[in-house]
Amino acid sequence: MKTKIKTNTFYKNSLYIIPTPIGNMGDITYRAINILKKVNIIVAEDTRITNNLLKKFDIKKHVLISMNNFNENQKYKKIAKKIKNGLSAALVSSAGTPLINDPGYNLVKHCKEIGIKIISLPGACSLITALITSGLTTNKFCFDGYLPKNKKERYKYLKEIKKEKRTIILYESSHRILSTLKDMAEIFDENRHIVLAIEITKYWEKTYKIKCKEILTLIKKNKIKRKGEIVVLIEGYKKNKKSKIKKEIPKNILTIFDILQKYKTKKESIEIIKNNFNIKRNLLYKNSIKK
């Protein structure tokens, strides 16, 4: 038996989490506009930006409350109390999906604890938009928000994630991106891919997919556009098979192996090294064919 979903149902005494466009106003959904018109309260990260959005879609009947990273701790319980007492509310950030590196976590957590219904709408999210167009692995990824502002802390963090196998997604500001890229060029393997998604969904959006060894050249040529919020994606770490062979076969044994092959066949040389130094036959064979 199929269950009919009432897509137009509006729930009172509830908190709606509503994504807003990350650049292109056409990306807002009909459902989002409809909910924003019906709620009693709109909780906004920046009331000026949200006011522009409301005017664009002729949304007039509302009470607008500011809640950002600086005042969330003082406001979230008061807002939750209003909802509990019979009002409905929508939570929006300045751009994209609320709570994804934006304020709202404390409000949602508290509403959940006191039994307020929470409805989340699907919509724009810059990290997902950047990921699916990056050409990097999409089935396993991790998001770590903004990089540390302090240069030493940022450098330390990048070293810590050097061997992360999943695609890494980060946010970075336009005035720090060149410094961050220089650190990446120094820390990561030269063939590791970096993707920069700049001003996503806007008319002048730009995406770069480059190898670490190409970063400094692009910076010197002033080819990297620096504007707005930048999504940085880092290709997952892959082991270098050649370096693995070098690690597992000591240098002195490789030298002996090379000398042996001048007087013996490859097969005979492999057997001598294997029997005398307990080195796996397949590693010796791989080493010999890479030359």
C-alpha atoms as a PDB file:
ATOM      1  CA  MET A   1       0.000   0.000   0.000  1.00  0.00           C
ATOM      2  CA  LYS A   2       1.448   3.342  -1.066  1.00  0.00           C
ATOM      3  CA  THR A   3       1.596   6.231   1.403  1.00  0.00           C
ATOM      4  CA  LYS A   4       0.611   9.624   0.035  1.00  0.00           C
ATOM      5  CA  ILE A   5       2.976  12.395   1.050  1.00  0.00           C
ATOM      6  CA  LYS A   6       1.300  15.751   1.558  1.00  0.00           C
ATOM      7  CA  THR A   7       3.956  18.018   0.105  1.00  0.00           C
ATOM      8  CA  ASN A   8       1.936  21.176   0.753  1.00  0.00           C
ATOM      9  CA  THR A   9       1.317  20.441   4.435  1.00  0.00           C
ATOM     10  CA  PHE A  10       2.398  23.265   6.733  1.00  0.00           C
ATOM     11  CA  TYR A  11       3.221  22.415  10.337  1.00  0.00           C
ATOM     12  CA  LYS A  12       2.688  24.968  13.100  1.00  0.00           C
ATOM     13  CA  ASN A  13       4.846  24.923  16.253  1.00  0.00           C
ATOM     14  CA  SER A  14       7.742  23.824  14.028  1.00  0.00           C
ATOM     15  CA  LEU A  15      11.183  24.928  12.915  1.00  0.00           C
ATOM     16  CA  TYR A  16      11.885  24.853   9.182  1.00  0.00           C
ATOM     17  CA  ILE A  17      15.501  24.770   7.983  1.00  0.00           C
ATOM     18  CA  ILE A  18      15.546  26.454   4.588  1.00  0.00           C
ATOM     19  CA  PRO A  19      18.501  26.633   2.167  1.00  0.00           C
ATOM     20  CA  THR A  20      18.858  29.863   0.215  1.00  0.00           C
ATOM     21  CA  PRO A  21      20.715  30.478  -3.093  1.00  0.00           C
ATOM     22  CA  ILE A  22      24.525  30.541  -3.004  1.00  0.00           C
ATOM     23  CA  GLY A  23      24.686  33.000  -5.885  1.00  0.00           C
ATOM     24  CA  ASN A  24      21.992  32.442  -8.463  1.00  0.00           C
ATOM     25  CA  MET A  25      18.579  33.545  -7.175  1.00  0.00           C
ATOM     26  CA  GLY A  26      16.900  31.079  -9.508  1.00  0.00           C
ATOM     27  CA  ASP A  27      18.115  28.209  -7.327  1.00  0.00           C
ATOM     28  CA  ILE A  28      15.574  28.800  -4.553  1.00  0.00           C
ATOM     29  CA  THR A  29      12.747  26.237  -4.543  1.00  0.00           C
ATOM     30  CA  TYR A  30       9.009  26.869  -4.775  1.00  0.00           C
ATOM     31  CA  ARG A  31       8.581  25.071  -1.480  1.00  0.00           C
ATOM     32  CA  ALA A  32      11.123  27.331   0.239  1.00  0.00           C
ATOM     33  CA  ILE A  33       9.292  30.459  -0.948  1.00  0.00           C
ATOM     34  CA  ASN A  34       5.953  29.011   0.146  1.00  0.00           C
ATOM     35  CA  ILE A  35       7.224  28.182   3.653  1.00  0.00           C
ATOM     36  CA  LEU A  36       8.884  31.593   4.074  1.00  0.00           C
ATOM     37  CA  LYS A  37       5.542  33.224   3.297  1.00  0.00           C
ATOM     38  CA  LYS A  38       3.713  31.158   5.915  1.00  0.00           C
ATOM     39  CA  VAL A  39       5.998  31.162   8.966  1.00  0.00           C
ATOM     40  CA  ASN A  40       5.615  33.676  11.799  1.00  0.00           C
ATOM     41  CA  ILE A  41       9.353  34.157  12.348  1.00  0.00           C
ATOM     42  CA  ILE A  42      12.362  34.092  10.038  1.00  0.00           C
ATOM     43  CA  VAL A  43      15.664  33.603  11.867  1.00  0.00           C
ATOM     44  CA  ALA A  44      18.463  35.004   9.697  1.00  0.00           C
ATOM     45  CA  GLU A  45      22.248  35.051   9.868  1.00  0.00           C
ATOM     46  CA  ASP A  46      22.314  38.526   8.291  1.00  0.00           C
ATOM     47  CA  THR A  47      18.981  40.376   8.186  1.00  0.00           C
ATOM     48  CA  ARG A  48      20.153  42.735   5.426  1.00  0.00           C
ATOM     49  CA  ILE A  49      20.942  39.893   3.033  1.00  0.00           C
ATOM     50  CA  THR A  50      17.757  38.035   3.938  1.00  0.00           C
ATOM     51  CA  ASN A  51      15.685  41.184   3.467  1.00  0.00           C
ATOM     52  CA  ASN A  52      16.967  41.441  -0.106  1.00  0.00           C
ATOM     53  CA  LEU A  53      15.920  37.835  -0.705  1.00  0.00           C
ATOM     54  CA  LEU A  54      12.456  38.429   0.763  1.00  0.00           C
ATOM     55  CA  LYS A  55      11.911  41.522  -1.381  1.00  0.00           C
ATOM     56  CA  LYS A  56      13.011  39.620  -4.489  1.00  0.00           C
ATOM     57  CA  PHE A  57      10.228  37.065  -3.980  1.00  0.00           C
ATOM     58  CA  ASP A  58       7.648  39.469  -2.539  1.00  0.00           C
ATOM     59  CA  ILE A  59       7.639  37.889   0.921  1.00  0.00           C
ATOM     60  CA  LYS A  60       6.213  40.547   3.234  1.00  0.00           C
ATOM     61  CA  LYS A  61       4.491  38.981   6.228  1.00  0.00           C
ATOM     62  CA  HIS A  62       7.210  38.053   8.667  1.00  0.00           C
ATOM     63  CA  VAL A  63       9.133  38.903  11.846  1.00  0.00           C
ATOM     64  CA  LEU A  64      12.851  38.903  11.115  1.00  0.00           C
ATOM     65  CA  ILE A  65      15.235  37.937  13.941  1.00  0.00           C
ATOM     66  CA  SER A  66      19.023  38.165  13.670  1.00  0.00           C
ATOM     67  CA  MET A  67      21.007  35.150  14.911  1.00  0.00           C
ATOM     68  CA  ASN A  68      24.665  34.813  14.032  1.00  0.00           C
ATOM     69  CA  ASN A  69      27.885  33.335  15.429  1.00  0.00           C
ATOM     70  CA  PHE A  70      28.201  36.209  17.901  1.00  0.00           C
ATOM     71  CA  ASN A  71      24.735  36.198  19.461  1.00  0.00           C
ATOM     72  CA  GLU A  72      23.422  32.641  18.974  1.00  0.00           C
ATOM     73  CA  ASN A  73      24.123  31.616  22.580  1.00  0.00           C
ATOM     74  CA  GLN A  74      22.015  34.511  23.858  1.00  0.00           C
ATOM     75  CA  LYS A  75      19.099  34.023  21.444  1.00  0.00           C
ATOM     76  CA  TYR A  76      18.480  30.371  20.605  1.00  0.00           C
ATOM     77  CA  LYS A  77      16.507  29.490  23.767  1.00  0.00           C
ATOM     78  CA  LYS A  78      14.270  32.554  23.399  1.00  0.00           C
ATOM     79  CA  ILE A  79      13.514  31.642  19.787  1.00  0.00           C
ATOM     80  CA  ALA A  80      12.769  28.032  20.733  1.00  0.00           C
ATOM     81  CA  LYS A  81      10.392  29.238  23.444  1.00  0.00           C
ATOM     82  CA  LYS A  82       8.425  31.286  20.884  1.00  0.00           C
ATOM     83  CA  ILE A  83       8.061  28.181  18.712  1.00  0.00           C
ATOM     84  CA  LYS A  84       7.014  26.054  21.687  1.00  0.00           C
ATOM     85  CA  ASN A  85       4.371  28.641  22.559  1.00  0.00           C
ATOM     86  CA  GLY A  86       2.662  28.307  19.188  1.00  0.00           C
ATOM     87  CA  LEU A  87       4.661  30.126  16.511  1.00  0.00           C
ATOM     88  CA  SER A  88       6.327  28.634  13.446  1.00  0.00           C
ATOM     89  CA  ALA A  89       9.833  29.644  12.373  1.00  0.00           C
ATOM     90  CA  ALA A  90      12.224  29.349   9.452  1.00  0.00           C
ATOM     91  CA  LEU A  91      15.988  29.298   9.863  1.00  0.00           C
ATOM     92  CA  VAL A  92      18.046  30.675   6.956  1.00  0.00           C
ATOM     93  CA  SER A  93      21.718  31.506   6.484  1.00  0.00           C
ATOM     94  CA  SER A  94      23.076  34.225   4.211  1.00  0.00           C
ATOM     95  CA  ALA A  95      23.699  31.661   1.467  1.00  0.00           C
ATOM     96  CA  GLY A  96      23.313  27.919   1.139  1.00  0.00           C
ATOM     97  CA  THR A  97      22.163  25.343   3.668  1.00  0.00           C
ATOM     98  CA  PRO A  98      21.993  26.483   7.328  1.00  0.00           C
ATOM     99  CA  LEU A  99      24.362  24.883   9.876  1.00  0.00           C
ATOM    100  CA  ILE A 100      26.928  23.900   7.212  1.00  0.00           C
ATOM    101  CA  ASN A 101      29.674  26.121   8.618  1.00  0.00           C
ATOM    102  CA  ASP A 102      26.927  28.609   9.546  1.00  0.00           C
ATOM    103  CA  PRO A 103      25.073  29.382  12.807  1.00  0.00           C
ATOM    104  CA  GLY A 104      22.016  27.399  13.903  1.00  0.00           C
ATOM    105  CA  TYR A 105      23.365  24.243  15.538  1.00  0.00           C
ATOM    106  CA  ASN A 106      22.453  25.286  19.095  1.00  0.00           C
ATOM    107  CA  LEU A 107      18.925  26.249  18.056  1.00  0.00           C
ATOM    108  CA  VAL A 108      18.299  22.961  16.235  1.00  0.00           C
ATOM    109  CA  LYS A 109      19.812  20.900  19.075  1.00  0.00           C
ATOM    110  CA  HIS A 110      17.696  22.676  21.720  1.00  0.00           C
ATOM    111  CA  CYS A 111      14.487  22.385  19.665  1.00  0.00           C
ATOM    112  CA  LYS A 112      15.148  18.670  19.293  1.00  0.00           C
ATOM    113  CA  GLU A 113      15.635  18.301  23.046  1.00  0.00           C
ATOM    114  CA  ILE A 114      12.356  20.026  23.962  1.00  0.00           C
ATOM    115  CA  GLY A 115      10.262  18.191  21.396  1.00  0.00           C
ATOM    116  CA  ILE A 116       9.832  20.794  18.653  1.00  0.00           C
ATOM    117  CA  LYS A 117       9.243  19.371  15.166  1.00  0.00           C
ATOM    118  CA  ILE A 118      12.127  20.148  12.786  1.00  0.00           C
ATOM    119  CA  ILE A 119      11.661  20.032   9.015  1.00  0.00           C
ATOM    120  CA  SER A 120      14.682  20.398   6.742  1.00  0.00           C
ATOM    121  CA  LEU A 121      14.202  21.383   3.095  1.00  0.00           C
ATOM    122  CA  PRO A 122      16.663  20.291   0.391  1.00  0.00           C
ATOM    123  CA  GLY A 123      18.493  22.980  -1.513  1.00  0.00           C
ATOM    124  CA  ALA A 124      21.705  24.764  -2.416  1.00  0.00           C
ATOM    125  CA  CYS A 125      24.979  23.726  -0.748  1.00  0.00           C
ATOM    126  CA  SER A 126      28.309  24.934  -2.139  1.00  0.00           C
ATOM    127  CA  LEU A 127      30.408  22.003  -0.943  1.00  0.00           C
ATOM    128  CA  ILE A 128      28.142  19.428  -2.668  1.00  0.00           C
ATOM    129  CA  THR A 129      27.828  21.533  -5.815  1.00  0.00           C
ATOM    130  CA  ALA A 130      31.622  21.809  -6.013  1.00  0.00           C
ATOM    131  CA  LEU A 131      32.177  18.104  -5.295  1.00  0.00           C
ATOM    132  CA  ILE A 132      29.935  16.710  -8.023  1.00  0.00           C
ATOM    133  CA  THR A 133      31.607  18.832 -10.717  1.00  0.00           C
ATOM    134  CA  SER A 134      35.185  18.370  -9.454  1.00  0.00           C
ATOM    135  CA  GLY A 135      36.094  15.151 -11.223  1.00  0.00           C
ATOM    136  CA  LEU A 136      37.354  13.781  -7.899  1.00  0.00           C
ATOM    137  CA  THR A 137      35.980  10.748  -6.038  1.00  0.00           C
ATOM    138  CA  THR A 138      32.436  11.463  -4.832  1.00  0.00           C
ATOM    139  CA  ASN A 139      31.457   8.269  -2.984  1.00  0.00           C
ATOM    140  CA  LYS A 140      33.864   8.897  -0.092  1.00  0.00           C
ATOM    141  CA  PHE A 141      34.599  12.429   1.067  1.00  0.00           C
ATOM    142  CA  CYS A 142      34.994  14.527   4.213  1.00  0.00           C
ATOM    143  CA  PHE A 143      34.200  18.181   4.914  1.00  0.00           C
ATOM    144  CA  ASP A 144      36.297  20.188   7.352  1.00  0.00           C
ATOM    145  CA  GLY A 145      34.956  23.719   7.061  1.00  0.00           C
ATOM    146  CA  TYR A 146      37.321  26.681   6.991  1.00  0.00           C
ATOM    147  CA  LEU A 147      41.064  26.235   7.284  1.00  0.00           C
ATOM    148  CA  PRO A 148      42.743  27.810  10.342  1.00  0.00           C
ATOM    149  CA  LYS A 149      43.454  31.526   9.881  1.00  0.00           C
ATOM    150  CA  ASN A 150      46.850  31.285  11.585  1.00  0.00           C
ATOM    151  CA  LYS A 151      49.549  30.304   9.079  1.00  0.00           C
ATOM    152  CA  LYS A 152      51.373  27.910  11.435  1.00  0.00           C
ATOM    153  CA  GLU A 153      48.137  26.180  12.442  1.00  0.00           C
ATOM    154  CA  ARG A 154      47.060  25.917   8.808  1.00  0.00           C
ATOM    155  CA  TYR A 155      50.395  24.404   7.782  1.00  0.00           C
ATOM    156  CA  LYS A 156      50.186  21.901  10.646  1.00  0.00           C
ATOM    157  CA  TYR A 157      46.623  20.937   9.678  1.00  0.00           C
ATOM    158  CA  LEU A 158      47.556  20.366   6.031  1.00  0.00           C
ATOM    159  CA  LYS A 159      50.387  18.069   7.117  1.00  0.00           C
ATOM    160  CA  GLU A 160      47.945  16.127   9.306  1.00  0.00           C
ATOM    161  CA  ILE A 161      45.566  15.466   6.391  1.00  0.00           C
ATOM    162  CA  LYS A 162      48.346  14.599   3.953  1.00  0.00           C
ATOM    163  CA  LYS A 163      47.431  10.897   3.940  1.00  0.00           C
ATOM    164  CA  GLU A 164      43.627  11.227   4.064  1.00  0.00           C
ATOM    165  CA  LYS A 165      42.330   8.774   1.444  1.00  0.00           C
ATOM    166  CA  ARG A 166      38.922  10.413   0.978  1.00  0.00           C
ATOM    167  CA  THR A 167      38.300  13.541  -1.094  1.00  0.00           C
ATOM    168  CA  ILE A 168      38.763  16.487   1.288  1.00  0.00           C
ATOM    169  CA  ILE A 169      36.484  19.526   0.997  1.00  0.00           C
ATOM    170  CA  LEU A 170      37.404  22.850   2.620  1.00  0.00           C
ATOM    171  CA  TYR A 171      36.364  26.495   2.523  1.00  0.00           C
ATOM    172  CA  GLU A 172      38.943  29.261   2.175  1.00  0.00           C
ATOM    173  CA  SER A 173      38.757  33.028   1.897  1.00  0.00           C
ATOM    174  CA  SER A 174      39.916  34.891  -1.202  1.00  0.00           C
ATOM    175  CA  HIS A 175      42.666  36.821   0.631  1.00  0.00           C
ATOM    176  CA  ARG A 176      44.253  33.663   2.091  1.00  0.00           C
ATOM    177  CA  ILE A 177      43.929  31.289  -0.865  1.00  0.00           C
ATOM    178  CA  LEU A 178      47.362  31.988  -2.416  1.00  0.00           C
ATOM    179  CA  SER A 179      49.173  31.399   0.879  1.00  0.00           C
ATOM    180  CA  THR A 180      47.195  28.175   1.358  1.00  0.00           C
ATOM    181  CA  LEU A 181      48.006  26.941  -2.145  1.00  0.00           C
ATOM    182  CA  LYS A 182      51.720  27.587  -1.610  1.00  0.00           C
ATOM    183  CA  ASP A 183      51.565  25.431   1.524  1.00  0.00           C
ATOM    184  CA  MET A 184      49.783  22.672  -0.417  1.00  0.00           C
ATOM    185  CA  ALA A 185      52.430  22.758  -3.152  1.00  0.00           C
ATOM    186  CA  GLU A 186      55.079  22.218  -0.492  1.00  0.00           C
ATOM    187  CA  ILE A 187      53.279  19.532   1.547  1.00  0.00           C
ATOM    188  CA  PHE A 188      51.396  17.336  -0.937  1.00  0.00           C
ATOM    189  CA  ASP A 189      52.731  15.003  -3.633  1.00  0.00           C
ATOM    190  CA  GLU A 190      53.394  16.933  -6.850  1.00  0.00           C
ATOM    191  CA  ASN A 191      50.855  14.881  -8.840  1.00  0.00           C
ATOM    192  CA  ARG A 192      48.009  15.213  -6.327  1.00  0.00           C
ATOM    193  CA  HIS A 193      45.023  17.071  -7.765  1.00  0.00           C
ATOM    194  CA  ILE A 194      43.592  20.235  -6.216  1.00  0.00           C
ATOM    195  CA  VAL A 195      40.264  21.683  -7.355  1.00  0.00           C
ATOM    196  CA  LEU A 196      39.224  25.289  -6.718  1.00  0.00           C
ATOM    197  CA  ALA A 197      35.547  26.201  -7.169  1.00  0.00           C
ATOM    198  CA  ILE A 198      35.137  29.985  -7.089  1.00  0.00           C
ATOM    199  CA  GLU A 199      31.884  31.972  -6.969  1.00  0.00           C
ATOM    200  CA  ILE A 200      29.729  28.882  -7.615  1.00  0.00           C
ATOM    201  CA  THR A 201      26.458  29.426  -9.582  1.00  0.00           C
ATOM    202  CA  LYS A 202      27.308  33.067 -10.324  1.00  0.00           C
ATOM    203  CA  TYR A 203      27.857  34.452 -13.815  1.00  0.00           C
ATOM    204  CA  TRP A 204      31.638  34.648 -13.297  1.00  0.00           C
ATOM    205  CA  GLU A 205      32.065  31.273 -11.583  1.00  0.00           C
ATOM    206  CA  LYS A 206      35.353  29.511 -12.267  1.00  0.00           C
ATOM    207  CA  THR A 207      36.678  26.011 -11.551  1.00  0.00           C
ATOM    208  CA  TYR A 208      40.349  24.985 -11.672  1.00  0.00           C
ATOM    209  CA  LYS A 209      41.626  21.402 -11.522  1.00  0.00           C
ATOM    210  CA  ILE A 210      45.390  21.397 -11.186  1.00  0.00           C
ATOM    211  CA  LYS A 211      48.234  19.231  -9.910  1.00  0.00           C
ATOM    212  CA  CYS A 212      50.260  20.484  -6.968  1.00  0.00           C
ATOM    213  CA  LYS A 213      53.325  20.898  -9.176  1.00  0.00           C
ATOM    214  CA  GLU A 214      51.377  23.404 -11.319  1.00  0.00           C
ATOM    215  CA  ILE A 215      50.230  25.619  -8.444  1.00  0.00           C
ATOM    216  CA  LEU A 216      53.236  27.945  -8.176  1.00  0.00           C
ATOM    217  CA  THR A 217      53.338  28.509 -11.949  1.00  0.00           C
ATOM    218  CA  LEU A 218      49.693  29.574 -11.992  1.00  0.00           C
ATOM    219  CA  ILE A 219      50.245  31.891  -9.031  1.00  0.00           C
ATOM    220  CA  LYS A 220      53.264  33.542 -10.706  1.00  0.00           C
ATOM    221  CA  LYS A 221      51.241  34.068 -13.892  1.00  0.00           C
ATOM    222  CA  ASN A 222      48.373  35.517 -11.812  1.00  0.00           C
ATOM    223  CA  LYS A 223      45.976  32.975 -13.361  1.00  0.00           C
ATOM    224  CA  ILE A 224      44.007  32.142 -10.198  1.00  0.00           C
ATOM    225  CA  LYS A 225      40.959  34.332  -9.747  1.00  0.00           C
ATOM    226  CA  ARG A 226      40.478  35.497  -6.151  1.00  0.00           C
ATOM    227  CA  LYS A 227      36.940  36.526  -5.363  1.00  0.00           C
ATOM    228  CA  GLY A 228      34.252  35.595  -2.831  1.00  0.00           C
ATOM    229  CA  GLU A 229      34.066  32.261  -1.053  1.00  0.00           C
ATOM    230  CA  ILE A 230      36.281  29.516  -2.453  1.00  0.00           C
ATOM    231  CA  VAL A 231      35.659  25.783  -2.125  1.00  0.00           C
ATOM    232  CA  VAL A 232      38.915  23.803  -2.088  1.00  0.00           C
ATOM    233  CA  LEU A 233      38.853  20.083  -2.891  1.00  0.00           C
ATOM    234  CA  ILE A 234      41.882  17.836  -2.395  1.00  0.00           C
ATOM    235  CA  GLU A 235      42.250  14.479  -4.094  1.00  0.00           C
ATOM    236  CA  GLY A 236      42.459  11.533  -1.697  1.00  0.00           C
ATOM    237  CA  TYR A 237      45.902  10.156  -0.889  1.00  0.00           C
ATOM    238  CA  LYS A 238      47.186   7.290  -3.057  1.00  0.00           C
ATOM    239  CA  LYS A 239      50.237   5.235  -2.242  1.00  0.00           C
ATOM    240  CA  ASN A 240      53.152   5.534  -4.603  1.00  0.00           C
ATOM    241  CA  LYS A 241      53.919   1.965  -5.699  1.00  0.00           C
ATOM    242  CA  LYS A 242      57.451   2.847  -6.720  1.00  0.00           C
ATOM    243  CA  SER A 243      58.298   4.294  -3.308  1.00  0.00           C
ATOM    244  CA  LYS A 244      56.777   1.191  -1.662  1.00  0.00           C
ATOM    245  CA  ILE A 245      59.291  -1.033  -3.468  1.00  0.00           C
ATOM    246  CA  LYS A 246      62.153   1.178  -2.336  1.00  0.00           C
ATOM    247  CA  LYS A 247      60.975   1.017   1.268  1.00  0.00           C
ATOM    248  CA  GLU A 248      60.590  -2.756   1.323  1.00  0.00           C
ATOM    249  CA  ILE A 249      63.896  -3.515  -0.418  1.00  0.00           C
ATOM    250  CA  PRO A 250      66.932  -1.965   1.325  1.00  0.00           C
ATOM    251  CA  LYS A 251      69.244   0.041  -0.908  1.00  0.00           C
ATOM    252  CA  ASN A 252      72.272  -2.211  -0.325  1.00  0.00           C
ATOM    253  CA  ILE A 253      70.291  -5.289  -1.432  1.00  0.00           C
ATOM    254  CA  LEU A 254      69.122  -3.499  -4.571  1.00  0.00           C
ATOM    255  CA  THR A 255      72.760  -2.759  -5.355  1.00  0.00           C
ATOM    256  CA  ILE A 256      73.677  -6.449  -4.971  1.00  0.00           C
ATOM    257  CA  PHE A 257      70.659  -7.385  -7.119  1.00  0.00           C
ATOM    258  CA  ASP A 258      71.838  -5.045  -9.898  1.00  0.00           C
ATOM    259  CA  ILE A 259      75.378  -6.483  -9.822  1.00  0.00           C
ATOM    260  CA  LEU A 260      74.094 -10.067  -9.894  1.00  0.00           C
ATOM    261  CA  GLN A 261      72.083  -9.394 -13.041  1.00  0.00           C
ATOM    262  CA  LYS A 262      75.295  -8.562 -14.904  1.00  0.00           C
ATOM    263  CA  TYR A 263      76.493 -12.145 -14.407  1.00  0.00           C
ATOM    264  CA  LYS A 264      73.267 -14.115 -13.933  1.00  0.00           C
ATOM    265  CA  THR A 265      69.863 -14.228 -15.558  1.00  0.00           C
ATOM    266  CA  LYS A 266      67.072 -12.187 -13.993  1.00  0.00           C
ATOM    267  CA  LYS A 267      65.417 -15.358 -12.705  1.00  0.00           C
ATOM    268  CA  GLU A 268      68.644 -16.629 -11.128  1.00  0.00           C
ATOM    269  CA  SER A 269      69.382 -13.235  -9.547  1.00  0.00           C
ATOM    270  CA  ILE A 270      65.889 -13.082  -8.031  1.00  0.00           C
ATOM    271  CA  GLU A 271      66.277 -16.566  -6.541  1.00  0.00           C
ATOM    272  CA  ILE A 272      69.677 -15.745  -5.008  1.00  0.00           C
ATOM    273  CA  ILE A 273      68.383 -12.544  -3.357  1.00  0.00           C
ATOM    274  CA  LYS A 274      65.177 -14.251  -2.235  1.00  0.00           C
ATOM    275  CA  ASN A 275      66.996 -17.148  -0.585  1.00  0.00           C
ATOM    276  CA  ASN A 276      69.743 -15.078   1.039  1.00  0.00           C
ATOM    277  CA  PHE A 277      67.857 -11.981   2.155  1.00  0.00           C
ATOM    278  CA  ASN A 278      64.274 -13.225   2.484  1.00  0.00           C
ATOM    279  CA  ILE A 279      62.919 -10.680  -0.019  1.00  0.00           C
ATOM    280  CA  LYS A 280      59.668 -11.526  -1.801  1.00  0.00           C
ATOM    281  CA  ARG A 281      60.089 -12.686  -5.396  1.00  0.00           C
ATOM    282  CA  ASN A 282      57.328 -10.421  -6.765  1.00  0.00           C
ATOM    283  CA  LEU A 283      58.913  -7.276  -5.268  1.00  0.00           C
ATOM    284  CA  LEU A 284      62.233  -8.067  -6.916  1.00  0.00           C
ATOM    285  CA  TYR A 285      60.505  -8.723 -10.203  1.00  0.00           C
ATOM    286  CA  LYS A 286      58.545  -5.443 -10.042  1.00  0.00           C
ATOM    287  CA  ASN A 287      61.742  -3.557  -9.276  1.00  0.00           C
ATOM    288  CA  SER A 288      63.535  -5.083 -12.251  1.00  0.00           C
ATOM    289  CA  ILE A 289      60.796  -4.245 -14.798  1.00  0.00           C
ATOM    290  CA  LYS A 290      60.557  -0.594 -13.656  1.00  0.00           C
ATOM    291  CA  LYS A 291      64.106   0.046 -14.840  1.00  0.00           C
END
